Amino acid sequence: MKKIFTVLCLLLVCSAVSIAQTKIGYSNGEFNRSDGLRIGSGEKQGLAIKLSKEKLQLLKGKKIVGASAVFGTRNVKNLNFFLTKALGQQPLYEQSVSGAATNWKDFTFDTPYVVGDETELYLGYTLEASTSYRPLAFDRSVGIKGSSWAYSEGDTWVDVYDNGFGCADLYLLVEDVDPFTDLCLKTFSVSGYYKAENAYKYTGQVLNFGTQSVKSFDVTYQIGDNEPVAYSFTGINIAPNETFDFELPEYISLASGKLPIKMSVTNIDGAVDADMSDNVDNSAIFIYPSDMEKRILLEGFTGQGCSNCPAGHRVVEGVLEETAESIVEVFHHAGYQPDSFTMTEDGEYCRFYNDGTYFAPALMVNRMLNSDLGTLGPIFGVSDKNLEGTIDKAAAIQPYVSVGIENKFDNETRELKSTVKVHTYVMPDADINTLNVFVVQDSVIAMQSSGGDRYVHRYAFRGALTSAWGLSVTLEEGKDYIREFTYTLPDAIKSTYENKYSIPTDLNNMYLVAFVSSYSSDPNGCTVYNSNIAKFSDKGGSVGIEGTSTDKASVHVYVNGGRVNVQGDYSQLDVYDMAGNQVGCWNAPVESFTLDAGFYIIRAVCNGEVVSQKVAIMK
């Protein structure tokens, strides 16, 4: 009798184990621990996924027996799973568990929940984690509108489909699900940068929400008034809970403006999908005019005492020589220690480091966070790979606005009058938008650690005509915002921190940089949309002046045997080649110096008067 009872128990156990559990959710299962995220600044965090009425019909009468999840850290407490008809309301079922893991783990409910006639159902969890941890996990795929929700401050939940996180790494465990085929079209995003008369390939992504592999499907898409076009994808194998990326043929729009775009997925394995409600996506695409100019703002952090900076500068120069993008450069003498260039605003921009430590050389591109680099803020270490990758990401993001600069410089008064015009094509989502205007000086010859006393400093920040964080502006789609600025160019600009030395200004190398960005107290909320750069004057200032008569000048310049001799009382001496590049600079009298063969302009400042003379070096 005992033997028969033992066999019966084994049969019952085997029967229970054989009941299949199916993972139901929107994640493709991908997770990397470094991808952990947190929403908001509070210790309480949470994620949830939503099942629509159509999805619930496929599971009607089945038992939800648990959940499967992965976390960005094991250091959580008060982990609580729940099922509810509406987020923030009393749950239908909830259960506290322990054992959060950084790998996929199943959590079994003490009491299974049977799916009935609900019109909506959410599976979610809340937890508590120190603000130094990032406990939430997403698959980094394309998001699906309404599918993934995150807990936010004030006991509210927000749809995070368009945050670039992908879908929540969370599944329901459902017992004994009947086989069904269900291909879900991910939200079709066309928010990139597209210009009229250029060819682009649009991409999409589908998720196999069903329980059976998908071998083929059709995609139909239509842009504007063009005829719908269908494409078939065959010879594939999309397993359950897998995503599939597809690419459509090139499309060229001759028209600019906002155009409707529709995409649908049909003929899944030659049949009708089990749930057609998520097989169509309607959106809109904005095509910028063919003459639209987008420029990417590259800001560097450097210092005269930084021995590693010259090598970093060479990396930047090498990348910029190869890129096809238009780049506006600005270098802040901050992140190491203040020097002869450092201005008050430079120090404020160290806030972008977002980790409490400063270093140089370092870079940021359009002040945007590149999640691929694993940094907490927009600033990253100098390497060709880091810079190339971040420029590529920035180039794909639409600029929203154009930025125009018109400069008029009075050589007599040294007054600059600048008109900055911002035209808004597409309204950004930010609550606050700002216009920033910088004064920048290029090709300054001065000391640099590991670079010598005649190092050429590029595009150094010399001050802001707005506040450090810009001027708040109201953008209106389809309209211009125009602002005028006046600035008197001094003979020299002193560092805010180091008054012993000043950097002489040179009209030929003075630039105005303007850019429009979002603004937030969060360092990751100040992304630049578009930027521009313009010389103070294209007339070359005093550099192009004809040779000054020596009988009226207090400086005499002559060439003897290939050597330039300078006689007289002057406070500053600059040398330029015929392309306008500064090749020499002295802040104290020098008797003579050598130059390579060629034509040059010698410019001296004598008691506030500028004396210029052309010389020819023959060797």
Foldseek 3Di string as FASTA:
>chain_A
DVVVVVVVVVVVVVVVVPWAWDWFAQALQAWDLLLFAAADQAQKKKKKFKDAQLRLVLQAFWWQFWKKFAWSDLAWPQKKKFKDLDQLDDTPDMDTDHDHHRHIDIDTDPDIDGRHRRRMMMIMIMIGHHSVTRIWIGRLDQFAFRTMWMADPPSDIDTCRPVSRHHGRMTTTITRGDFFWAKFWGAQDQQWAAAAPDKDKGKTKIATSTQAWWFKKKKWKDKAPDDIDIDIDGRDTHHHSRMDMDIDGIDHHNDFAKIKMKMFIACTVPDGHSDRPRGIYIDIHGHHYNPFAFEKEKEWEAAQADQCAVVLVVLVVVLVVPDPGHYDYEYAPDLPDDDFQHAPLSPVLVVQQVPPHGHPGKMFMLQADDVVVSGPGRIDHRDNVVVNVRVVVLNTHALQKGWDKDWDADLVQQKIKIKIKIAGAHDDPFPWKFKWKWKWFFQFAAHHNNQGGGRGDGGYTQDTQAPSLGDTDDHDHGDMDMDMGMDHDDQWGGHPVDRPDTGGGFQLGIKMKMWMFHDDPPSNRTGTRGMDMDRNDPVRRPQPDEADDPVPDQWDWDDDPQKIAIDGDFQKKWKAAPVSRTDDIDRHDDGIDGDDFHKMKIWTQDPNDIGIYIDGGDD
